[in-house]
Amino acid sequence: MLNDPLPRGAVNLRGEARDWRSAIELTGGLFEKAGAITPSYTAAMVQSVEEHGPYIVVAPGFALAHARPSEAVRQTAISWGAPEQPGAV
């Protein structure tokens, strides 16, 4: 699993995200469909930003959403999501 951190289906370059929350839900959904996490991890990523602010933002339009390790994680993985329109989120 560690030698293949990008599960099949974990990339969406035509996503529709209205805001940061829907962007996290979009990429979390990719993880969920790939079987890497459960929906509770996606919720934990959203809650983490609500509690600690936008610390996940690396640069304009680029964020590394994550949450604390938990039983909701089935495998270590990364996903990539991008809005259809640059600057949309």
PDB file of N, CA and C in Angstrom:
ATOM      1  N   MET A   1       0.807  -1.196   0.000  1.00  0.00           N
ATOM      2  CA  MET A   1       0.000   0.000   0.000  1.00  0.00           C
ATOM      3  C   MET A   1       0.854   1.266   0.000  1.00  0.00           C
ATOM      4  N   LEU A   2       1.942   1.286   0.751  1.00  0.00           N
ATOM      5  CA  LEU A   2       2.783   2.470   0.783  1.00  0.00           C
ATOM      6  C   LEU A   2       3.503   2.692  -0.535  1.00  0.00           C
ATOM      7  N   ASN A   3       3.717   1.619  -1.320  1.00  0.00           N
ATOM      8  CA  ASN A   3       4.388   1.799  -2.593  1.00  0.00           C
ATOM      9  C   ASN A   3       3.421   2.212  -3.701  1.00  0.00           C
ATOM     10  N   ASP A   4       2.143   2.312  -3.408  1.00  0.00           N
ATOM     11  CA  ASP A   4       1.133   2.738  -4.364  1.00  0.00           C
ATOM     12  C   ASP A   4       0.135   3.669  -3.675  1.00  0.00           C
ATOM     13  N   PRO A   5       0.578   4.897  -3.322  1.00  0.00           N
ATOM     14  CA  PRO A   5      -0.287   5.781  -2.537  1.00  0.00           C
ATOM     15  C   PRO A   5      -1.399   6.469  -3.326  1.00  0.00           C
ATOM     16  N   LEU A   6      -1.401   6.341  -4.659  1.00  0.00           N
ATOM     17  CA  LEU A   6      -2.431   6.980  -5.465  1.00  0.00           C
ATOM     18  C   LEU A   6      -3.383   5.907  -5.993  1.00  0.00           C
ATOM     19  N   PRO A   7      -4.458   5.640  -5.242  1.00  0.00           N
ATOM     20  CA  PRO A   7      -5.385   4.584  -5.654  1.00  0.00           C
ATOM     21  C   PRO A   7      -6.068   4.902  -6.983  1.00  0.00           C
ATOM     22  N   ARG A   8      -6.478   3.859  -7.696  1.00  0.00           N
ATOM     23  CA  ARG A   8      -7.225   4.030  -8.951  1.00  0.00           C
ATOM     24  C   ARG A   8      -8.469   4.876  -8.654  1.00  0.00           C
ATOM     25  N   GLY A   9      -8.700   5.885  -9.474  1.00  0.00           N
ATOM     26  CA  GLY A   9      -9.861   6.744  -9.306  1.00  0.00           C
ATOM     27  C   GLY A   9      -9.663   7.894  -8.340  1.00  0.00           C
ATOM     28  N   ALA A  10      -8.435   8.109  -7.868  1.00  0.00           N
ATOM     29  CA  ALA A  10      -8.193   9.149  -6.867  1.00  0.00           C
ATOM     30  C   ALA A  10      -7.849  10.507  -7.477  1.00  0.00           C
ATOM     31  N   VAL A  11      -8.056  10.664  -8.775  1.00  0.00           N
ATOM     32  CA  VAL A  11      -7.792  11.937  -9.441  1.00  0.00           C
ATOM     33  C   VAL A  11      -9.066  12.407 -10.135  1.00  0.00           C
ATOM     34  N   ASN A  12      -9.418  13.671  -9.915  1.00  0.00           N
ATOM     35  CA  ASN A  12     -10.567  14.279 -10.581  1.00  0.00           C
ATOM     36  C   ASN A  12     -10.162  15.694 -10.975  1.00  0.00           C
ATOM     37  N   LEU A  13      -9.915  15.910 -12.256  1.00  0.00           N
ATOM     38  CA  LEU A  13      -9.493  17.228 -12.731  1.00  0.00           C
ATOM     39  C   LEU A  13     -10.653  18.062 -13.243  1.00  0.00           C
ATOM     40  N   ARG A  14     -11.863  17.562 -13.096  1.00  0.00           N
ATOM     41  CA  ARG A  14     -13.050  18.304 -13.527  1.00  0.00           C
ATOM     42  C   ARG A  14     -14.077  18.377 -12.401  1.00  0.00           C
ATOM     43  N   GLY A  15     -13.577  18.541 -11.204  1.00  0.00           N
ATOM     44  CA  GLY A  15     -14.467  18.575 -10.054  1.00  0.00           C
ATOM     45  C   GLY A  15     -15.281  19.849  -9.970  1.00  0.00           C
ATOM     46  N   GLU A  16     -16.381  19.766  -9.266  1.00  0.00           N
ATOM     47  CA  GLU A  16     -17.218  20.931  -9.028  1.00  0.00           C
ATOM     48  C   GLU A  16     -17.242  21.191  -7.529  1.00  0.00           C
ATOM     49  N   ALA A  17     -16.540  22.226  -7.111  1.00  0.00           N
ATOM     50  CA  ALA A  17     -16.475  22.583  -5.699  1.00  0.00           C
ATOM     51  C   ALA A  17     -16.843  24.051  -5.543  1.00  0.00           C
ATOM     52  N   ARG A  18     -17.870  24.320  -4.766  1.00  0.00           N
ATOM     53  CA  ARG A  18     -18.327  25.701  -4.534  1.00  0.00           C
ATOM     54  C   ARG A  18     -17.430  26.450  -3.556  1.00  0.00           C
ATOM     55  N   ASP A  19     -16.826  25.692  -2.625  1.00  0.00           N
ATOM     56  CA  ASP A  19     -16.042  26.303  -1.560  1.00  0.00           C
ATOM     57  C   ASP A  19     -15.075  25.261  -1.003  1.00  0.00           C
ATOM     58  N   TRP A  20     -14.336  25.634   0.041  1.00  0.00           N
ATOM     59  CA  TRP A  20     -13.327  24.732   0.598  1.00  0.00           C
ATOM     60  C   TRP A  20     -13.956  23.444   1.111  1.00  0.00           C
ATOM     61  N   ARG A  21     -15.129  23.553   1.715  1.00  0.00           N
ATOM     62  CA  ARG A  21     -15.796  22.381   2.277  1.00  0.00           C
ATOM     63  C   ARG A  21     -16.144  21.372   1.171  1.00  0.00           C
ATOM     64  N   SER A  22     -16.728  21.855   0.078  1.00  0.00           N
ATOM     65  CA  SER A  22     -17.085  20.936  -1.000  1.00  0.00           C
ATOM     66  C   SER A  22     -15.837  20.405  -1.711  1.00  0.00           C
ATOM     67  N   ALA A  23     -14.741  21.162  -1.693  1.00  0.00           N
ATOM     68  CA  ALA A  23     -13.479  20.661  -2.265  1.00  0.00           C
ATOM     69  C   ALA A  23     -12.947  19.487  -1.429  1.00  0.00           C
ATOM     70  N   ILE A  24     -13.020  19.612  -0.103  1.00  0.00           N
ATOM     71  CA  ILE A  24     -12.595  18.510   0.761  1.00  0.00           C
ATOM     72  C   ILE A  24     -13.522  17.312   0.575  1.00  0.00           C
ATOM     73  N   GLU A  25     -14.815  17.575   0.470  1.00  0.00           N
ATOM     74  CA  GLU A  25     -15.763  16.473   0.269  1.00  0.00           C
ATOM     75  C   GLU A  25     -15.540  15.798  -1.084  1.00  0.00           C
ATOM     76  N   LEU A  26     -15.159  16.565  -2.102  1.00  0.00           N
ATOM     77  CA  LEU A  26     -14.857  16.005  -3.419  1.00  0.00           C
ATOM     78  C   LEU A  26     -13.673  15.039  -3.339  1.00  0.00           C
ATOM     79  N   THR A  27     -12.565  15.518  -2.775  1.00  0.00           N
ATOM     80  CA  THR A  27     -11.378  14.657  -2.718  1.00  0.00           C
ATOM     81  C   THR A  27     -11.551  13.542  -1.697  1.00  0.00           C
ATOM     82  N   GLY A  28     -12.235  13.817  -0.598  1.00  0.00           N
ATOM     83  CA  GLY A  28     -12.531  12.751   0.364  1.00  0.00           C
ATOM     84  C   GLY A  28     -13.376  11.664  -0.272  1.00  0.00           C
ATOM     85  N   GLY A  29     -14.314  12.080  -1.125  1.00  0.00           N
ATOM     86  CA  GLY A  29     -15.144  11.115  -1.836  1.00  0.00           C
ATOM     87  C   GLY A  29     -14.323  10.222  -2.752  1.00  0.00           C
ATOM     88  N   LEU A  30     -13.262  10.786  -3.337  1.00  0.00           N
ATOM     89  CA  LEU A  30     -12.366   9.973  -4.167  1.00  0.00           C
ATOM     90  C   LEU A  30     -11.702   8.884  -3.321  1.00  0.00           C
ATOM     91  N   PHE A  31     -11.245   9.275  -2.122  1.00  0.00           N
ATOM     92  CA  PHE A  31     -10.655   8.301  -1.187  1.00  0.00           C
ATOM     93  C   PHE A  31     -11.670   7.230  -0.797  1.00  0.00           C
ATOM     94  N   GLU A  32     -12.880   7.683  -0.501  1.00  0.00           N
ATOM     95  CA  GLU A  32     -13.931   6.749  -0.076  1.00  0.00           C
ATOM     96  C   GLU A  32     -14.221   5.727  -1.169  1.00  0.00           C
ATOM     97  N   LYS A  33     -14.391   6.192  -2.415  1.00  0.00           N
ATOM     98  CA  LYS A  33     -14.668   5.285  -3.530  1.00  0.00           C
ATOM     99  C   LYS A  33     -13.523   4.314  -3.766  1.00  0.00           C
ATOM    100  N   ALA A  34     -12.301   4.757  -3.500  1.00  0.00           N
ATOM    101  CA  ALA A  34     -11.129   3.896  -3.668  1.00  0.00           C
ATOM    102  C   ALA A  34     -10.973   2.915  -2.504  1.00  0.00           C
ATOM    103  N   GLY A  35     -11.762   3.107  -1.446  1.00  0.00           N
ATOM    104  CA  GLY A  35     -11.684   2.225  -0.287  1.00  0.00           C
ATOM    105  C   GLY A  35     -10.559   2.555   0.673  1.00  0.00           C
ATOM    106  N   ALA A  36      -9.943   3.737   0.511  1.00  0.00           N
ATOM    107  CA  ALA A  36      -8.826   4.121   1.372  1.00  0.00           C
ATOM    108  C   ALA A  36      -9.277   4.659   2.730  1.00  0.00           C
ATOM    109  N   ILE A  37     -10.471   5.260   2.781  1.00  0.00           N
ATOM    110  CA  ILE A  37     -10.997   5.825   4.027  1.00  0.00           C
ATOM    111  C   ILE A  37     -12.493   5.573   4.107  1.00  0.00           C
ATOM    112  N   THR A  38     -13.051   5.859   5.279  1.00  0.00           N
ATOM    113  CA  THR A  38     -14.497   5.831   5.449  1.00  0.00           C
ATOM    114  C   THR A  38     -15.001   7.280   5.427  1.00  0.00           C
ATOM    115  N   PRO A  39     -16.305   7.485   5.278  1.00  0.00           N
ATOM    116  CA  PRO A  39     -16.848   8.852   5.282  1.00  0.00           C
ATOM    117  C   PRO A  39     -16.515   9.641   6.557  1.00  0.00           C
ATOM    118  N   SER A  40     -16.278   8.957   7.655  1.00  0.00           N
ATOM    119  CA  SER A  40     -15.968   9.691   8.883  1.00  0.00           C
ATOM    120  C   SER A  40     -14.620  10.403   8.796  1.00  0.00           C
ATOM    121  N   TYR A  41     -13.707   9.915   7.968  1.00  0.00           N
ATOM    122  CA  TYR A  41     -12.435  10.625   7.797  1.00  0.00           C
ATOM    123  C   TYR A  41     -12.648  11.907   7.000  1.00  0.00           C
ATOM    124  N   THR A  42     -13.494  11.866   5.985  1.00  0.00           N
ATOM    125  CA  THR A  42     -13.818  13.082   5.234  1.00  0.00           C
ATOM    126  C   THR A  42     -14.415  14.114   6.189  1.00  0.00           C
ATOM    127  N   ALA A  43     -15.335  13.692   7.029  1.00  0.00           N
ATOM    128  CA  ALA A  43     -15.941  14.592   8.014  1.00  0.00           C
ATOM    129  C   ALA A  43     -14.884  15.143   8.963  1.00  0.00           C
ATOM    130  N   ALA A  44     -13.923  14.321   9.346  1.00  0.00           N
ATOM    131  CA  ALA A  44     -12.856  14.768  10.248  1.00  0.00           C
ATOM    132  C   ALA A  44     -11.966  15.808   9.572  1.00  0.00           C
ATOM    133  N   MET A  45     -11.736  15.684   8.262  1.00  0.00           N
ATOM    134  CA  MET A  45     -10.942  16.691   7.551  1.00  0.00           C
ATOM    135  C   MET A  45     -11.665  18.036   7.572  1.00  0.00           C
ATOM    136  N   VAL A  46     -12.962  18.026   7.337  1.00  0.00           N
ATOM    137  CA  VAL A  46     -13.758  19.263   7.376  1.00  0.00           C
ATOM    138  C   VAL A  46     -13.728  19.847   8.788  1.00  0.00           C
ATOM    139  N   GLN A  47     -13.939  19.012   9.779  1.00  0.00           N
ATOM    140  CA  GLN A  47     -13.952  19.475  11.168  1.00  0.00           C
ATOM    141  C   GLN A  47     -12.599  20.069  11.566  1.00  0.00           C
ATOM    142  N   SER A  48     -11.520  19.499  11.071  1.00  0.00           N
ATOM    143  CA  SER A  48     -10.190  20.005  11.388  1.00  0.00           C
ATOM    144  C   SER A  48     -10.007  21.441  10.894  1.00  0.00           C
ATOM    145  N   VAL A  49     -10.488  21.728   9.692  1.00  0.00           N
ATOM    146  CA  VAL A  49     -10.398  23.102   9.173  1.00  0.00           C
ATOM    147  C   VAL A  49     -11.321  24.023   9.959  1.00  0.00           C
ATOM    148  N   GLU A  50     -12.499  23.545  10.319  1.00  0.00           N
ATOM    149  CA  GLU A  50     -13.412  24.360  11.117  1.00  0.00           C
ATOM    150  C   GLU A  50     -12.782  24.745  12.454  1.00  0.00           C
ATOM    151  N   GLU A  51     -12.059  23.819  13.061  1.00  0.00           N
ATOM    152  CA  GLU A  51     -11.459  24.063  14.373  1.00  0.00           C
ATOM    153  C   GLU A  51     -10.157  24.847  14.315  1.00  0.00           C
ATOM    154  N   HIS A  52      -9.333  24.591  13.302  1.00  0.00           N
ATOM    155  CA  HIS A  52      -7.980  25.155  13.277  1.00  0.00           C
ATOM    156  C   HIS A  52      -7.742  26.177  12.177  1.00  0.00           C
ATOM    157  N   GLY A  53      -8.738  26.417  11.347  1.00  0.00           N
ATOM    158  CA  GLY A  53      -8.575  27.379  10.263  1.00  0.00           C
ATOM    159  C   GLY A  53      -7.928  26.740   9.041  1.00  0.00           C
ATOM    160  N   PRO A  54      -7.602  27.560   8.052  1.00  0.00           N
ATOM    161  CA  PRO A  54      -7.116  27.054   6.764  1.00  0.00           C
ATOM    162  C   PRO A  54      -5.620  26.731   6.749  1.00  0.00           C
ATOM    163  N   TYR A  55      -5.135  26.097   7.801  1.00  0.00           N
ATOM    164  CA  TYR A  55      -3.714  25.749   7.877  1.00  0.00           C
ATOM    165  C   TYR A  55      -3.298  24.784   6.770  1.00  0.00           C
ATOM    166  N   ILE A  56      -4.249  24.132   6.113  1.00  0.00           N
ATOM    167  CA  ILE A  56      -3.949  23.155   5.069  1.00  0.00           C
ATOM    168  C   ILE A  56      -3.564  23.810   3.748  1.00  0.00           C
ATOM    169  N   VAL A  57      -3.795  25.129   3.616  1.00  0.00           N
ATOM    170  CA  VAL A  57      -3.502  25.833   2.371  1.00  0.00           C
ATOM    171  C   VAL A  57      -1.995  26.007   2.234  1.00  0.00           C
ATOM    172  N   VAL A  58      -1.443  25.477   1.143  1.00  0.00           N
ATOM    173  CA  VAL A  58      -0.015  25.553   0.864  1.00  0.00           C
ATOM    174  C   VAL A  58       0.286  26.769  -0.020  1.00  0.00           C
ATOM    175  N   ALA A  59      -0.580  27.018  -0.976  1.00  0.00           N
ATOM    176  CA  ALA A  59      -0.450  28.142  -1.904  1.00  0.00           C
ATOM    177  C   ALA A  59      -1.853  28.429  -2.440  1.00  0.00           C
ATOM    178  N   PRO A  60      -2.063  29.569  -3.082  1.00  0.00           N
ATOM    179  CA  PRO A  60      -3.389  29.845  -3.639  1.00  0.00           C
ATOM    180  C   PRO A  60      -3.851  28.698  -4.557  1.00  0.00           C
ATOM    181  N   GLY A  61      -5.020  28.166  -4.256  1.00  0.00           N
ATOM    182  CA  GLY A  61      -5.576  27.084  -5.062  1.00  0.00           C
ATOM    183  C   GLY A  61      -5.012  25.708  -4.782  1.00  0.00           C
ATOM    184  N   PHE A  62      -4.162  25.572  -3.753  1.00  0.00           N
ATOM    185  CA  PHE A  62      -3.541  24.283  -3.453  1.00  0.00           C
ATOM    186  C   PHE A  62      -3.565  24.038  -1.948  1.00  0.00           C
ATOM    187  N   ALA A  63      -4.199  22.949  -1.544  1.00  0.00           N
ATOM    188  CA  ALA A  63      -4.301  22.619  -0.117  1.00  0.00           C
ATOM    189  C   ALA A  63      -4.057  21.132   0.072  1.00  0.00           C
ATOM    190  N   LEU A  64      -3.564  20.779   1.231  1.00  0.00           N
ATOM    191  CA  LEU A  64      -3.339  19.382   1.610  1.00  0.00           C
ATOM    192  C   LEU A  64      -4.269  19.051   2.776  1.00  0.00           C
ATOM    193  N   ALA A  65      -5.483  18.694   2.448  1.00  0.00           N
ATOM    194  CA  ALA A  65      -6.467  18.368   3.488  1.00  0.00           C
ATOM    195  C   ALA A  65      -6.106  17.035   4.132  1.00  0.00           C
ATOM    196  N   HIS A  66      -6.257  16.984   5.445  1.00  0.00           N
ATOM    197  CA  HIS A  66      -5.966  15.771   6.199  1.00  0.00           C
ATOM    198  C   HIS A  66      -6.593  15.896   7.583  1.00  0.00           C
ATOM    199  N   ALA A  67      -6.560  14.815   8.316  1.00  0.00           N
ATOM    200  CA  ALA A  67      -7.039  14.796   9.700  1.00  0.00           C
ATOM    201  C   ALA A  67      -6.125  13.873  10.495  1.00  0.00           C
ATOM    202  N   ARG A  68      -6.409  13.737  11.765  1.00  0.00           N
ATOM    203  CA  ARG A  68      -5.600  12.883  12.634  1.00  0.00           C
ATOM    204  C   ARG A  68      -5.731  11.422  12.207  1.00  0.00           C
ATOM    205  N   PRO A  69      -4.708  10.626  12.445  1.00  0.00           N
ATOM    206  CA  PRO A  69      -4.828   9.193  12.169  1.00  0.00           C
ATOM    207  C   PRO A  69      -5.999   8.610  12.970  1.00  0.00           C
ATOM    208  N   SER A  70      -6.713   7.685  12.347  1.00  0.00           N
ATOM    209  CA  SER A  70      -7.850   7.076  13.038  1.00  0.00           C
ATOM    210  C   SER A  70      -8.197   5.752  12.380  1.00  0.00           C
ATOM    211  N   GLU A  71      -9.170   5.088  12.969  1.00  0.00           N
ATOM    212  CA  GLU A  71      -9.662   3.821  12.426  1.00  0.00           C
ATOM    213  C   GLU A  71     -10.379   4.024  11.092  1.00  0.00           C
ATOM    214  N   ALA A  72     -10.700   5.281  10.755  1.00  0.00           N
ATOM    215  CA  ALA A  72     -11.385   5.584   9.499  1.00  0.00           C
ATOM    216  C   ALA A  72     -10.446   5.478   8.296  1.00  0.00           C
ATOM    217  N   VAL A  73      -9.152   5.364   8.549  1.00  0.00           N
ATOM    218  CA  VAL A  73      -8.164   5.235   7.482  1.00  0.00           C
ATOM    219  C   VAL A  73      -7.883   3.756   7.255  1.00  0.00           C
ATOM    220  N   ARG A  74      -8.129   3.319   6.032  1.00  0.00           N
ATOM    221  CA  ARG A  74      -7.896   1.915   5.683  1.00  0.00           C
ATOM    222  C   ARG A  74      -6.547   1.710   5.026  1.00  0.00           C
ATOM    223  N   GLN A  75      -6.026   2.760   4.373  1.00  0.00           N
ATOM    224  CA  GLN A  75      -4.696   2.692   3.771  1.00  0.00           C
ATOM    225  C   GLN A  75      -4.155   4.099   3.593  1.00  0.00           C
ATOM    226  N   THR A  76      -2.853   4.232   3.570  1.00  0.00           N
ATOM    227  CA  THR A  76      -2.225   5.511   3.307  1.00  0.00           C
ATOM    228  C   THR A  76      -2.413   5.820   1.832  1.00  0.00           C
ATOM    229  N   ALA A  77      -2.891   7.026   1.525  1.00  0.00           N
ATOM    230  CA  ALA A  77      -3.178   7.365   0.135  1.00  0.00           C
ATOM    231  C   ALA A  77      -3.184   8.871  -0.056  1.00  0.00           C
ATOM    232  N   ILE A  78      -3.073   9.273  -1.314  1.00  0.00           N
ATOM    233  CA  ILE A  78      -3.220  10.673  -1.692  1.00  0.00           C
ATOM    234  C   ILE A  78      -4.266  10.740  -2.804  1.00  0.00           C
ATOM    235  N   SER A  79      -4.909  11.879  -2.924  1.00  0.00           N
ATOM    236  CA  SER A  79      -5.828  12.087  -4.045  1.00  0.00           C
ATOM    237  C   SER A  79      -5.570  13.483  -4.590  1.00  0.00           C
ATOM    238  N   TRP A  80      -6.099  13.742  -5.773  1.00  0.00           N
ATOM    239  CA  TRP A  80      -5.894  15.028  -6.420  1.00  0.00           C
ATOM    240  C   TRP A  80      -7.219  15.468  -7.006  1.00  0.00           C
ATOM    241  N   GLY A  81      -7.660  16.636  -6.611  1.00  0.00           N
ATOM    242  CA  GLY A  81      -8.888  17.183  -7.167  1.00  0.00           C
ATOM    243  C   GLY A  81      -8.648  18.607  -7.602  1.00  0.00           C
ATOM    244  N   ALA A  82      -9.212  18.977  -8.720  1.00  0.00           N
ATOM    245  CA  ALA A  82      -9.056  20.345  -9.227  1.00  0.00           C
ATOM    246  C   ALA A  82     -10.400  20.810  -9.770  1.00  0.00           C
ATOM    247  N   PRO A  83     -10.721  22.085  -9.541  1.00  0.00           N
ATOM    248  CA  PRO A  83     -11.976  22.609 -10.088  1.00  0.00           C
ATOM    249  C   PRO A  83     -11.907  22.690 -11.601  1.00  0.00           C
ATOM    250  N   GLU A  84     -13.059  22.561 -12.230  1.00  0.00           N
ATOM    251  CA  GLU A  84     -13.132  22.668 -13.682  1.00  0.00           C
ATOM    252  C   GLU A  84     -12.648  24.034 -14.147  1.00  0.00           C
ATOM    253  N   GLN A  85     -13.009  25.083 -13.421  1.00  0.00           N
ATOM    254  CA  GLN A  85     -12.591  26.434 -13.751  1.00  0.00           C
ATOM    255  C   GLN A  85     -11.475  26.857 -12.797  1.00  0.00           C
ATOM    256  N   PRO A  86     -10.251  27.132 -13.271  1.00  0.00           N
ATOM    257  CA  PRO A  86      -9.186  27.587 -12.374  1.00  0.00           C
ATOM    258  C   PRO A  86      -9.653  28.800 -11.581  1.00  0.00           C
ATOM    259  N   GLY A  87      -9.366  28.797 -10.290  1.00  0.00           N
ATOM    260  CA  GLY A  87      -9.748  29.897  -9.423  1.00  0.00           C
ATOM    261  C   GLY A  87     -11.182  29.803  -8.927  1.00  0.00           C
ATOM    262  N   ALA A  88     -11.852  28.684  -9.218  1.00  0.00           N
ATOM    263  CA  ALA A  88     -13.246  28.564  -8.821  1.00  0.00           C
ATOM    264  C   ALA A  88     -13.415  28.359  -7.320  1.00  0.00           C
ATOM    265  N   VAL A  89     -12.403  27.852  -6.658  1.00  0.00           N
ATOM    266  CA  VAL A  89     -12.509  27.628  -5.220  1.00  0.00           C
ATOM    267  C   VAL A  89     -11.562  28.554  -4.503  1.00  0.00           C
TER     268      VAL A  89
END
